mmCIF file of all heavy atoms, coordinates in Angstrom:
data_MODEL
# 
_entry.id   MODEL 
# 
loop_
_atom_site.group_PDB 
_atom_site.id 
_atom_site.type_symbol 
_atom_site.label_atom_id 
_atom_site.label_alt_id 
_atom_site.label_comp_id 
_atom_site.label_asym_id 
_atom_site.label_entity_id 
_atom_site.label_seq_id 
_atom_site.pdbx_PDB_ins_code 
_atom_site.Cartn_x 
_atom_site.Cartn_y 
_atom_site.Cartn_z 
_atom_site.occupancy 
_atom_site.B_iso_or_equiv 
_atom_site.pdbx_formal_charge 
_atom_site.auth_seq_id 
_atom_site.auth_comp_id 
_atom_site.auth_asym_id 
_atom_site.auth_atom_id 
_atom_site.pdbx_PDB_model_num 
ATOM 1   N N   . LEU A 1 1  ? -19.813 2.528   -9.912  1.00 0.00 ? 1  LEU A N   1 
ATOM 2   C CA  . LEU A 1 1  ? -20.110 1.466   -10.876 1.00 0.00 ? 1  LEU A CA  1 
ATOM 3   C C   . LEU A 1 1  ? -18.911 1.061   -11.736 1.00 0.00 ? 1  LEU A C   1 
ATOM 4   O O   . LEU A 1 1  ? -18.695 -0.133  -11.982 1.00 0.00 ? 1  LEU A O   1 
ATOM 5   C CB  . LEU A 1 1  ? -21.265 1.930   -11.769 1.00 0.00 ? 1  LEU A CB  1 
ATOM 6   C CG  . LEU A 1 1  ? -21.921 0.923   -12.680 1.00 0.00 ? 1  LEU A CG  1 
ATOM 7   C CD1 . LEU A 1 1  ? -22.516 -0.226  -11.873 1.00 0.00 ? 1  LEU A CD1 1 
ATOM 8   C CD2 . LEU A 1 1  ? -23.013 1.596   -13.499 1.00 0.00 ? 1  LEU A CD2 1 
ATOM 9   N N   . LEU A 1 2  ? -18.122 2.015   -12.189 1.00 0.00 ? 2  LEU A N   1 
ATOM 10  C CA  . LEU A 1 2  ? -17.046 1.694   -13.136 1.00 0.00 ? 2  LEU A CA  1 
ATOM 11  C C   . LEU A 1 2  ? -15.979 0.748   -12.578 1.00 0.00 ? 2  LEU A C   1 
ATOM 12  O O   . LEU A 1 2  ? -15.554 -0.166  -13.301 1.00 0.00 ? 2  LEU A O   1 
ATOM 13  C CB  . LEU A 1 2  ? -16.416 2.974   -13.682 1.00 0.00 ? 2  LEU A CB  1 
ATOM 14  C CG  . LEU A 1 2  ? -17.234 3.622   -14.796 1.00 0.00 ? 2  LEU A CG  1 
ATOM 15  C CD1 . LEU A 1 2  ? -16.689 4.997   -15.151 1.00 0.00 ? 2  LEU A CD1 1 
ATOM 16  C CD2 . LEU A 1 2  ? -17.284 2.745   -16.025 1.00 0.00 ? 2  LEU A CD2 1 
ATOM 17  N N   . PRO A 1 3  ? -15.536 0.866   -11.342 1.00 0.00 ? 3  PRO A N   1 
ATOM 18  C CA  . PRO A 1 3  ? -14.580 -0.125  -10.842 1.00 0.00 ? 3  PRO A CA  1 
ATOM 19  C C   . PRO A 1 3  ? -15.160 -1.549  -10.818 1.00 0.00 ? 3  PRO A C   1 
ATOM 20  O O   . PRO A 1 3  ? -14.430 -2.521  -11.031 1.00 0.00 ? 3  PRO A O   1 
ATOM 21  C CB  . PRO A 1 3  ? -14.257 0.354   -9.422  1.00 0.00 ? 3  PRO A CB  1 
ATOM 22  C CG  . PRO A 1 3  ? -14.486 1.827   -9.479  1.00 0.00 ? 3  PRO A CG  1 
ATOM 23  C CD  . PRO A 1 3  ? -15.670 1.994   -10.404 1.00 0.00 ? 3  PRO A CD  1 
ATOM 24  N N   . LEU A 1 4  ? -16.457 -1.667  -10.591 1.00 0.00 ? 4  LEU A N   1 
ATOM 25  C CA  . LEU A 1 4  ? -17.096 -2.983  -10.622 1.00 0.00 ? 4  LEU A CA  1 
ATOM 26  C C   . LEU A 1 4  ? -17.066 -3.551  -12.035 1.00 0.00 ? 4  LEU A C   1 
ATOM 27  O O   . LEU A 1 4  ? -16.841 -4.752  -12.235 1.00 0.00 ? 4  LEU A O   1 
ATOM 28  C CB  . LEU A 1 4  ? -18.534 -2.888  -10.118 1.00 0.00 ? 4  LEU A CB  1 
ATOM 29  C CG  . LEU A 1 4  ? -18.710 -2.381  -8.681  1.00 0.00 ? 4  LEU A CG  1 
ATOM 30  C CD1 . LEU A 1 4  ? -20.186 -2.178  -8.363  1.00 0.00 ? 4  LEU A CD1 1 
ATOM 31  C CD2 . LEU A 1 4  ? -18.056 -3.315  -7.692  1.00 0.00 ? 4  LEU A CD2 1 
ATOM 32  N N   . ILE A 1 5  ? -17.279 -2.693  -13.013 1.00 0.00 ? 5  ILE A N   1 
ATOM 33  C CA  . ILE A 1 5  ? -17.226 -3.105  -14.416 1.00 0.00 ? 5  ILE A CA  1 
ATOM 34  C C   . ILE A 1 5  ? -15.807 -3.526  -14.794 1.00 0.00 ? 5  ILE A C   1 
ATOM 35  O O   . ILE A 1 5  ? -15.605 -4.546  -15.454 1.00 0.00 ? 5  ILE A O   1 
ATOM 36  C CB  . ILE A 1 5  ? -17.744 -1.969  -15.328 1.00 0.00 ? 5  ILE A CB  1 
ATOM 37  C CG1 . ILE A 1 5  ? -19.241 -1.802  -15.124 1.00 0.00 ? 5  ILE A CG1 1 
ATOM 38  C CG2 . ILE A 1 5  ? -17.393 -2.215  -16.787 1.00 0.00 ? 5  ILE A CG2 1 
ATOM 39  C CD1 . ILE A 1 5  ? -19.815 -0.551  -15.724 1.00 0.00 ? 5  ILE A CD1 1 
ATOM 40  N N   . LEU A 1 6  ? -14.824 -2.757  -14.353 1.00 0.00 ? 6  LEU A N   1 
ATOM 41  C CA  . LEU A 1 6  ? -13.433 -3.116  -14.632 1.00 0.00 ? 6  LEU A CA  1 
ATOM 42  C C   . LEU A 1 6  ? -13.078 -4.466  -14.013 1.00 0.00 ? 6  LEU A C   1 
ATOM 43  O O   . LEU A 1 6  ? -12.399 -5.282  -14.636 1.00 0.00 ? 6  LEU A O   1 
ATOM 44  C CB  . LEU A 1 6  ? -12.492 -2.017  -14.127 1.00 0.00 ? 6  LEU A CB  1 
ATOM 45  C CG  . LEU A 1 6  ? -12.514 -0.734  -14.956 1.00 0.00 ? 6  LEU A CG  1 
ATOM 46  C CD1 . LEU A 1 6  ? -11.821 0.401   -14.212 1.00 0.00 ? 6  LEU A CD1 1 
ATOM 47  C CD2 . LEU A 1 6  ? -11.895 -0.962  -16.310 1.00 0.00 ? 6  LEU A CD2 1 
ATOM 48  N N   . SER A 1 7  ? -13.570 -4.730  -12.811 1.00 0.00 ? 7  SER A N   1 
ATOM 49  C CA  . SER A 1 7  ? -13.342 -6.030  -12.174 1.00 0.00 ? 7  SER A CA  1 
ATOM 50  C C   . SER A 1 7  ? -14.003 -7.153  -12.961 1.00 0.00 ? 7  SER A C   1 
ATOM 51  O O   . SER A 1 7  ? -13.433 -8.241  -13.106 1.00 0.00 ? 7  SER A O   1 
ATOM 52  C CB  . SER A 1 7  ? -13.889 -6.027  -10.746 1.00 0.00 ? 7  SER A CB  1 
ATOM 53  O OG  . SER A 1 7  ? -13.144 -5.151  -9.939  1.00 0.00 ? 7  SER A OG  1 
ATOM 54  N N   . ALA A 1 8  ? -15.195 -6.890  -13.469 1.00 0.00 ? 8  ALA A N   1 
ATOM 55  C CA  . ALA A 1 8  ? -15.899 -7.904  -14.264 1.00 0.00 ? 8  ALA A CA  1 
ATOM 56  C C   . ALA A 1 8  ? -15.138 -8.204  -15.554 1.00 0.00 ? 8  ALA A C   1 
ATOM 57  O O   . ALA A 1 8  ? -14.998 -9.380  -15.933 1.00 0.00 ? 8  ALA A O   1 
ATOM 58  C CB  . ALA A 1 8  ? -17.320 -7.444  -14.579 1.00 0.00 ? 8  ALA A CB  1 
ATOM 59  N N   . PHE A 1 9  ? -14.631 -7.170  -16.219 1.00 0.00 ? 9  PHE A N   1 
ATOM 60  C CA  . PHE A 1 9  ? -13.844 -7.392  -17.434 1.00 0.00 ? 9  PHE A CA  1 
ATOM 61  C C   . PHE A 1 9  ? -12.593 -8.222  -17.112 1.00 0.00 ? 9  PHE A C   1 
ATOM 62  O O   . PHE A 1 9  ? -12.238 -9.131  -17.856 1.00 0.00 ? 9  PHE A O   1 
ATOM 63  C CB  . PHE A 1 9  ? -13.438 -6.067  -18.084 1.00 0.00 ? 9  PHE A CB  1 
ATOM 64  C CG  . PHE A 1 9  ? -14.524 -5.393  -18.879 1.00 0.00 ? 9  PHE A CG  1 
ATOM 65  C CD1 . PHE A 1 9  ? -14.602 -4.007  -18.922 1.00 0.00 ? 9  PHE A CD1 1 
ATOM 66  C CD2 . PHE A 1 9  ? -15.458 -6.112  -19.606 1.00 0.00 ? 9  PHE A CD2 1 
ATOM 67  C CE1 . PHE A 1 9  ? -15.585 -3.370  -19.665 1.00 0.00 ? 9  PHE A CE1 1 
ATOM 68  C CE2 . PHE A 1 9  ? -16.443 -5.487  -20.350 1.00 0.00 ? 9  PHE A CE2 1 
ATOM 69  C CZ  . PHE A 1 9  ? -16.506 -4.102  -20.384 1.00 0.00 ? 9  PHE A CZ  1 
ATOM 70  N N   . GLU A 1 10 ? -11.940 -7.919  -16.006 1.00 0.00 ? 10 GLU A N   1 
ATOM 71  C CA  . GLU A 1 10 ? -10.738 -8.642  -15.609 1.00 0.00 ? 10 GLU A CA  1 
ATOM 72  C C   . GLU A 1 10 ? -11.061 -10.105 -15.288 1.00 0.00 ? 10 GLU A C   1 
ATOM 73  O O   . GLU A 1 10 ? -10.359 -11.022 -15.727 1.00 0.00 ? 10 GLU A O   1 
ATOM 74  C CB  . GLU A 1 10 ? -10.113 -7.967  -14.393 1.00 0.00 ? 10 GLU A CB  1 
ATOM 75  C CG  . GLU A 1 10 ? -8.780  -8.532  -13.985 1.00 0.00 ? 10 GLU A CG  1 
ATOM 76  C CD  . GLU A 1 10 ? -8.169  -7.756  -12.833 1.00 0.00 ? 10 GLU A CD  1 
ATOM 77  O OE1 . GLU A 1 10 ? -8.222  -6.517  -12.832 1.00 0.00 ? 10 GLU A OE1 1 
ATOM 78  O OE2 . GLU A 1 10 ? -7.642  -8.420  -11.917 1.00 0.00 ? 10 GLU A OE2 1 
ATOM 79  N N   . ARG A 1 11 ? -12.144 -10.322 -14.547 1.00 0.00 ? 11 ARG A N   1 
ATOM 80  C CA  . ARG A 1 11 ? -12.564 -11.692 -14.209 1.00 0.00 ? 11 ARG A CA  1 
ATOM 81  C C   . ARG A 1 11 ? -12.898 -12.470 -15.480 1.00 0.00 ? 11 ARG A C   1 
ATOM 82  O O   . ARG A 1 11 ? -12.463 -13.604 -15.663 1.00 0.00 ? 11 ARG A O   1 
ATOM 83  C CB  . ARG A 1 11 ? -13.784 -11.629 -13.284 1.00 0.00 ? 11 ARG A CB  1 
ATOM 84  C CG  . ARG A 1 11 ? -14.316 -13.005 -12.873 1.00 0.00 ? 11 ARG A CG  1 
ATOM 85  C CD  . ARG A 1 11 ? -15.721 -12.939 -12.322 1.00 0.00 ? 11 ARG A CD  1 
ATOM 86  N NE  . ARG A 1 11 ? -16.635 -12.461 -13.349 1.00 0.00 ? 11 ARG A NE  1 
ATOM 87  C CZ  . ARG A 1 11 ? -17.487 -11.439 -13.200 1.00 0.00 ? 11 ARG A CZ  1 
ATOM 88  N NH1 . ARG A 1 11 ? -17.565 -10.795 -12.072 1.00 0.00 ? 11 ARG A NH1 1 
ATOM 89  N NH2 . ARG A 1 11 ? -18.269 -11.064 -14.193 1.00 0.00 ? 11 ARG A NH2 1 
ATOM 90  N N   . ASP A 1 12 ? -13.655 -11.835 -16.383 1.00 0.00 ? 12 ASP A N   1 
ATOM 91  C CA  . ASP A 1 12 ? -14.047 -12.493 -17.620 1.00 0.00 ? 12 ASP A CA  1 
ATOM 92  C C   . ASP A 1 12 ? -12.835 -12.804 -18.495 1.00 0.00 ? 12 ASP A C   1 
ATOM 93  O O   . ASP A 1 12 ? -12.787 -13.855 -19.139 1.00 0.00 ? 12 ASP A O   1 
ATOM 94  C CB  . ASP A 1 12 ? -15.053 -11.637 -18.386 1.00 0.00 ? 12 ASP A CB  1 
ATOM 95  C CG  . ASP A 1 12 ? -16.382 -11.511 -17.658 1.00 0.00 ? 12 ASP A CG  1 
ATOM 96  O OD1 . ASP A 1 12 ? -16.609 -12.244 -16.662 1.00 0.00 ? 12 ASP A OD1 1 
ATOM 97  O OD2 . ASP A 1 12 ? -17.199 -10.657 -18.070 1.00 0.00 ? 12 ASP A OD2 1 
ATOM 98  N N   . ALA A 1 13 ? -11.844 -11.913 -18.511 1.00 0.00 ? 13 ALA A N   1 
ATOM 99  C CA  . ALA A 1 13 ? -10.625 -12.166 -19.284 1.00 0.00 ? 13 ALA A CA  1 
ATOM 100 C C   . ALA A 1 13 ? -9.908  -13.401 -18.754 1.00 0.00 ? 13 ALA A C   1 
ATOM 101 O O   . ALA A 1 13 ? -9.407  -14.220 -19.540 1.00 0.00 ? 13 ALA A O   1 
ATOM 102 C CB  . ALA A 1 13 ? -9.705  -10.947 -19.238 1.00 0.00 ? 13 ALA A CB  1 
ATOM 103 N N   . GLY A 1 14 ? -9.879  -13.556 -17.446 1.00 0.00 ? 14 GLY A N   1 
ATOM 104 C CA  . GLY A 1 14 ? -9.258  -14.754 -16.861 1.00 0.00 ? 14 GLY A CA  1 
ATOM 105 C C   . GLY A 1 14 ? -9.985  -16.017 -17.244 1.00 0.00 ? 14 GLY A C   1 
ATOM 106 O O   . GLY A 1 14 ? -9.364  -17.037 -17.572 1.00 0.00 ? 14 GLY A O   1 
ATOM 107 N N   . LEU A 1 15 ? -11.305 -15.969 -17.235 1.00 0.00 ? 15 LEU A N   1 
ATOM 108 C CA  . LEU A 1 15 ? -12.108 -17.137 -17.611 1.00 0.00 ? 15 LEU A CA  1 
ATOM 109 C C   . LEU A 1 15 ? -11.923 -17.476 -19.088 1.00 0.00 ? 15 LEU A C   1 
ATOM 110 O O   . LEU A 1 15 ? -11.801 -18.652 -19.461 1.00 0.00 ? 15 LEU A O   1 
ATOM 111 C CB  . LEU A 1 15 ? -13.582 -16.892 -17.313 1.00 0.00 ? 15 LEU A CB  1 
ATOM 112 C CG  . LEU A 1 15 ? -13.963 -16.832 -15.832 1.00 0.00 ? 15 LEU A CG  1 
ATOM 113 C CD1 . LEU A 1 15 ? -15.390 -16.353 -15.655 1.00 0.00 ? 15 LEU A CD1 1 
ATOM 114 C CD2 . LEU A 1 15 ? -13.764 -18.199 -15.189 1.00 0.00 ? 15 LEU A CD2 1 
ATOM 115 N N   . ILE A 1 16 ? -11.910 -16.459 -19.919 1.00 0.00 ? 16 ILE A N   1 
ATOM 116 C CA  . ILE A 1 16 ? -11.725 -16.676 -21.357 1.00 0.00 ? 16 ILE A CA  1 
ATOM 117 C C   . ILE A 1 16 ? -10.349 -17.272 -21.632 1.00 0.00 ? 16 ILE A C   1 
ATOM 118 O O   . ILE A 1 16 ? -10.205 -18.215 -22.405 1.00 0.00 ? 16 ILE A O   1 
ATOM 119 C CB  . ILE A 1 16 ? -11.944 -15.357 -22.137 1.00 0.00 ? 16 ILE A CB  1 
ATOM 120 C CG1 . ILE A 1 16 ? -13.438 -15.031 -22.157 1.00 0.00 ? 16 ILE A CG1 1 
ATOM 121 C CG2 . ILE A 1 16 ? -11.378 -15.442 -23.546 1.00 0.00 ? 16 ILE A CG2 1 
ATOM 122 C CD1 . ILE A 1 16 ? -13.770 -13.651 -22.688 1.00 0.00 ? 16 ILE A CD1 1 
ATOM 123 N N   . SER A 1 17 ? -9.324  -16.744 -20.967 1.00 0.00 ? 17 SER A N   1 
ATOM 124 C CA  . SER A 1 17 ? -7.960  -17.262 -21.148 1.00 0.00 ? 17 SER A CA  1 
ATOM 125 C C   . SER A 1 17 ? -7.868  -18.724 -20.773 1.00 0.00 ? 17 SER A C   1 
ATOM 126 O O   . SER A 1 17 ? -7.185  -19.507 -21.440 1.00 0.00 ? 17 SER A O   1 
ATOM 127 C CB  . SER A 1 17 ? -6.971  -16.481 -20.279 1.00 0.00 ? 17 SER A CB  1 
ATOM 128 O OG  . SER A 1 17 ? -6.769  -15.213 -20.784 1.00 0.00 ? 17 SER A OG  1 
ATOM 129 N N   . ALA A 1 18 ? -8.566  -19.099 -19.714 1.00 0.00 ? 18 ALA A N   1 
ATOM 130 C CA  . ALA A 1 18 ? -8.466  -20.461 -19.202 1.00 0.00 ? 18 ALA A CA  1 
ATOM 131 C C   . ALA A 1 18 ? -9.288  -21.474 -19.994 1.00 0.00 ? 18 ALA A C   1 
ATOM 132 O O   . ALA A 1 18 ? -8.952  -22.655 -20.007 1.00 0.00 ? 18 ALA A O   1 
ATOM 133 C CB  . ALA A 1 18 ? -8.904  -20.485 -17.735 1.00 0.00 ? 18 ALA A CB  1 
ATOM 134 N N   . HIS A 1 19 ? -10.345 -21.016 -20.673 1.00 0.00 ? 19 HIS A N   1 
ATOM 135 C CA  . HIS A 1 19 ? -11.281 -21.981 -21.246 1.00 0.00 ? 19 HIS A CA  1 
ATOM 136 C C   . HIS A 1 19 ? -11.424 -21.957 -22.772 1.00 0.00 ? 19 HIS A C   1 
ATOM 137 O O   . HIS A 1 19 ? -12.107 -22.817 -23.322 1.00 0.00 ? 19 HIS A O   1 
ATOM 138 C CB  . HIS A 1 19 ? -12.665 -21.803 -20.608 1.00 0.00 ? 19 HIS A CB  1 
ATOM 139 C CG  . HIS A 1 19 ? -12.663 -22.178 -19.155 1.00 0.00 ? 19 HIS A CG  1 
ATOM 140 N ND1 . HIS A 1 19 ? -12.512 -21.248 -18.167 1.00 0.00 ? 19 HIS A ND1 1 
ATOM 141 C CD2 . HIS A 1 19 ? -12.758 -23.379 -18.555 1.00 0.00 ? 19 HIS A CD2 1 
ATOM 142 C CE1 . HIS A 1 19 ? -12.530 -21.857 -17.002 1.00 0.00 ? 19 HIS A CE1 1 
ATOM 143 N NE2 . HIS A 1 19 ? -12.680 -23.150 -17.202 1.00 0.00 ? 19 HIS A NE2 1 
ATOM 144 N N   . LEU A 1 20 ? -10.828 -21.002 -23.446 1.00 0.00 ? 20 LEU A N   1 
ATOM 145 C CA  . LEU A 1 20 ? -10.949 -20.967 -24.904 1.00 0.00 ? 20 LEU A CA  1 
ATOM 146 C C   . LEU A 1 20 ? -9.624  -21.342 -25.558 1.00 0.00 ? 20 LEU A C   1 
ATOM 147 O O   . LEU A 1 20 ? -8.553  -21.039 -25.037 1.00 0.00 ? 20 LEU A O   1 
ATOM 148 C CB  . LEU A 1 20 ? -11.376 -19.568 -25.379 1.00 0.00 ? 20 LEU A CB  1 
ATOM 149 C CG  . LEU A 1 20 ? -12.767 -19.093 -24.967 1.00 0.00 ? 20 LEU A CG  1 
ATOM 150 C CD1 . LEU A 1 20 ? -13.041 -17.727 -25.572 1.00 0.00 ? 20 LEU A CD1 1 
ATOM 151 C CD2 . LEU A 1 20 ? -13.847 -20.068 -25.366 1.00 0.00 ? 20 LEU A CD2 1 
ATOM 152 N N   . ARG A 1 21 ? -9.730  -21.957 -26.703 1.00 0.00 ? 21 ARG A N   1 
ATOM 153 C CA  . ARG A 1 21 ? -8.522  -22.331 -27.438 1.00 0.00 ? 21 ARG A CA  1 
ATOM 154 C C   . ARG A 1 21 ? -7.851  -21.134 -28.089 1.00 0.00 ? 21 ARG A C   1 
ATOM 155 O O   . ARG A 1 21 ? -6.629  -21.103 -28.231 1.00 0.00 ? 21 ARG A O   1 
ATOM 156 C CB  . ARG A 1 21 ? -8.869  -23.348 -28.521 1.00 0.00 ? 21 ARG A CB  1 
ATOM 157 C CG  . ARG A 1 21 ? -9.064  -24.715 -27.977 1.00 0.00 ? 21 ARG A CG  1 
ATOM 158 C CD  . ARG A 1 21 ? -9.230  -25.657 -29.118 1.00 0.00 ? 21 ARG A CD  1 
ATOM 159 N NE  . ARG A 1 21 ? -8.706  -26.959 -28.730 1.00 0.00 ? 21 ARG A NE  1 
ATOM 160 C CZ  . ARG A 1 21 ? -8.805  -28.013 -29.469 1.00 0.00 ? 21 ARG A CZ  1 
ATOM 161 N NH1 . ARG A 1 21 ? -9.346  -27.930 -30.662 1.00 0.00 ? 21 ARG A NH1 1 
ATOM 162 N NH2 . ARG A 1 21 ? -8.330  -29.159 -29.041 1.00 0.00 ? 21 ARG A NH2 1 
ATOM 163 N N   . THR A 1 22 ? -8.647  -20.188 -28.548 1.00 0.00 ? 22 THR A N   1 
ATOM 164 C CA  . THR A 1 22 ? -8.089  -18.986 -29.183 1.00 0.00 ? 22 THR A CA  1 
ATOM 165 C C   . THR A 1 22 ? -8.647  -17.749 -28.477 1.00 0.00 ? 22 THR A C   1 
ATOM 166 O O   . THR A 1 22 ? -9.522  -17.053 -29.001 1.00 0.00 ? 22 THR A O   1 
ATOM 167 C CB  . THR A 1 22 ? -8.444  -18.940 -30.681 1.00 0.00 ? 22 THR A CB  1 
ATOM 168 O OG1 . THR A 1 22 ? -9.859  -19.077 -30.811 1.00 0.00 ? 22 THR A OG1 1 
ATOM 169 C CG2 . THR A 1 22 ? -7.739  -20.025 -31.459 1.00 0.00 ? 22 THR A CG2 1 
ATOM 170 N N   . PRO A 1 23 ? -8.115  -17.456 -27.312 1.00 0.00 ? 23 PRO A N   1 
ATOM 171 C CA  . PRO A 1 23 ? -8.665  -16.351 -26.528 1.00 0.00 ? 23 PRO A CA  1 
ATOM 172 C C   . PRO A 1 23 ? -8.245  -14.960 -27.004 1.00 0.00 ? 23 PRO A C   1 
ATOM 173 O O   . PRO A 1 23 ? -8.897  -13.970 -26.647 1.00 0.00 ? 23 PRO A O   1 
ATOM 174 C CB  . PRO A 1 23 ? -8.115  -16.615 -25.121 1.00 0.00 ? 23 PRO A CB  1 
ATOM 175 C CG  . PRO A 1 23 ? -6.824  -17.329 -25.365 1.00 0.00 ? 23 PRO A CG  1 
ATOM 176 C CD  . PRO A 1 23 ? -7.072  -18.169 -26.590 1.00 0.00 ? 23 PRO A CD  1 
ATOM 177 N N   . ALA A 1 24 ? -7.199  -14.853 -27.812 1.00 0.00 ? 24 ALA A N   1 
ATOM 178 C CA  . ALA A 1 24 ? -6.618  -13.551 -28.153 1.00 0.00 ? 24 ALA A CA  1 
ATOM 179 C C   . ALA A 1 24 ? -7.627  -12.525 -28.686 1.00 0.00 ? 24 ALA A C   1 
ATOM 180 O O   . ALA A 1 24 ? -7.646  -11.388 -28.206 1.00 0.00 ? 24 ALA A O   1 
ATOM 181 C CB  . ALA A 1 24 ? -5.458  -13.725 -29.123 1.00 0.00 ? 24 ALA A CB  1 
ATOM 182 N N   . PRO A 1 25 ? -8.485  -12.856 -29.662 1.00 0.00 ? 25 PRO A N   1 
ATOM 183 C CA  . PRO A 1 25 ? -9.410  -11.835 -30.166 1.00 0.00 ? 25 PRO A CA  1 
ATOM 184 C C   . PRO A 1 25 ? -10.385 -11.338 -29.080 1.00 0.00 ? 25 PRO A C   1 
ATOM 185 O O   . PRO A 1 25 ? -10.706 -10.153 -29.028 1.00 0.00 ? 25 PRO A O   1 
ATOM 186 C CB  . PRO A 1 25 ? -10.175 -12.534 -31.291 1.00 0.00 ? 25 PRO A CB  1 
ATOM 187 C CG  . PRO A 1 25 ? -9.442  -13.780 -31.592 1.00 0.00 ? 25 PRO A CG  1 
ATOM 188 C CD  . PRO A 1 25 ? -8.603  -14.102 -30.412 1.00 0.00 ? 25 PRO A CD  1 
ATOM 189 N N   . TYR A 1 26 ? -10.818 -12.260 -28.241 1.00 0.00 ? 26 TYR A N   1 
ATOM 190 C CA  . TYR A 1 26 ? -11.756 -11.890 -27.180 1.00 0.00 ? 26 TYR A CA  1 
ATOM 191 C C   . TYR A 1 26 ? -11.065 -11.032 -26.125 1.00 0.00 ? 26 TYR A C   1 
ATOM 192 O O   . TYR A 1 26 ? -11.627 -10.065 -25.619 1.00 0.00 ? 26 TYR A O   1 
ATOM 193 C CB  . TYR A 1 26 ? -12.358 -13.147 -26.548 1.00 0.00 ? 26 TYR A CB  1 
ATOM 194 C CG  . TYR A 1 26 ? -13.046 -14.026 -27.558 1.00 0.00 ? 26 TYR A CG  1 
ATOM 195 C CD1 . TYR A 1 26 ? -12.423 -15.152 -28.068 1.00 0.00 ? 26 TYR A CD1 1 
ATOM 196 C CD2 . TYR A 1 26 ? -14.322 -13.702 -28.023 1.00 0.00 ? 26 TYR A CD2 1 
ATOM 197 C CE1 . TYR A 1 26 ? -13.044 -15.954 -29.008 1.00 0.00 ? 26 TYR A CE1 1 
ATOM 198 C CE2 . TYR A 1 26 ? -14.950 -14.500 -28.966 1.00 0.00 ? 26 TYR A CE2 1 
ATOM 199 C CZ  . TYR A 1 26 ? -14.308 -15.623 -29.457 1.00 0.00 ? 26 TYR A CZ  1 
ATOM 200 O OH  . TYR A 1 26 ? -14.932 -16.404 -30.395 1.00 0.00 ? 26 TYR A OH  1 
ATOM 201 N N   . LEU A 1 27 ? -9.826  -11.411 -25.824 1.00 0.00 ? 27 LEU A N   1 
ATOM 202 C CA  . LEU A 1 27 ? -9.065  -10.641 -24.842 1.00 0.00 ? 27 LEU A CA  1 
ATOM 203 C C   . LEU A 1 27 ? -8.753  -9.239  -25.361 1.00 0.00 ? 27 LEU A C   1 
ATOM 204 O O   . LEU A 1 27 ? -8.786  -8.270  -24.602 1.00 0.00 ? 27 LEU A O   1 
ATOM 205 C CB  . LEU A 1 27 ? -7.778  -11.377 -24.464 1.00 0.00 ? 27 LEU A CB  1 
ATOM 206 C CG  . LEU A 1 27 ? -7.973  -12.685 -23.704 1.00 0.00 ? 27 LEU A CG  1 
ATOM 207 C CD1 . LEU A 1 27 ? -6.635  -13.379 -23.487 1.00 0.00 ? 27 LEU A CD1 1 
ATOM 208 C CD2 . LEU A 1 27 ? -8.695  -12.454 -22.391 1.00 0.00 ? 27 LEU A CD2 1 
ATOM 209 N N   . ASP A 1 28 ? -8.469  -9.137  -26.664 1.00 0.00 ? 28 ASP A N   1 
ATOM 210 C CA  . ASP A 1 28 ? -8.240  -7.815  -27.257 1.00 0.00 ? 28 ASP A CA  1 
ATOM 211 C C   . ASP A 1 28 ? -9.473  -6.936  -27.092 1.00 0.00 ? 28 ASP A C   1 
ATOM 212 O O   . ASP A 1 28 ? -9.366  -5.747  -26.755 1.00 0.00 ? 28 ASP A O   1 
ATOM 213 C CB  . ASP A 1 28 ? -7.891  -7.935  -28.740 1.00 0.00 ? 28 ASP A CB  1 
ATOM 214 C CG  . ASP A 1 28 ? -6.497  -8.505  -28.984 1.00 0.00 ? 28 ASP A CG  1 
ATOM 215 O OD1 . ASP A 1 28 ? -5.703  -8.593  -28.021 1.00 0.00 ? 28 ASP A OD1 1 
ATOM 216 O OD2 . ASP A 1 28 ? -6.219  -8.871  -30.150 1.00 0.00 ? 28 ASP A OD2 1 
ATOM 217 N N   . MET A 1 29 ? -10.631 -7.509  -27.329 1.00 0.00 ? 29 MET A N   1 
ATOM 218 C CA  . MET A 1 29 ? -11.879 -6.760  -27.198 1.00 0.00 ? 29 MET A CA  1 
ATOM 219 C C   . MET A 1 29 ? -12.119 -6.338  -25.743 1.00 0.00 ? 29 MET A C   1 
ATOM 220 O O   . MET A 1 29 ? -12.489 -5.197  -25.471 1.00 0.00 ? 29 MET A O   1 
ATOM 221 C CB  . MET A 1 29 ? -13.039 -7.592  -27.725 1.00 0.00 ? 29 MET A CB  1 
ATOM 222 C CG  . MET A 1 29 ? -14.312 -6.840  -27.875 1.00 0.00 ? 29 MET A CG  1 
ATOM 223 S SD  . MET A 1 29 ? -15.436 -7.832  -28.856 1.00 0.00 ? 29 MET A SD  1 
ATOM 224 C CE  . MET A 1 29 ? -16.457 -6.548  -29.501 1.00 0.00 ? 29 MET A CE  1 
# 
């Protein structure tokens, strides 16, 4: 399960970076 979760966090970080104006706080989390 954990590698799947890590992949989801990585995918979500990419989406947040691409679509938010201020992604830094979310990416830090």
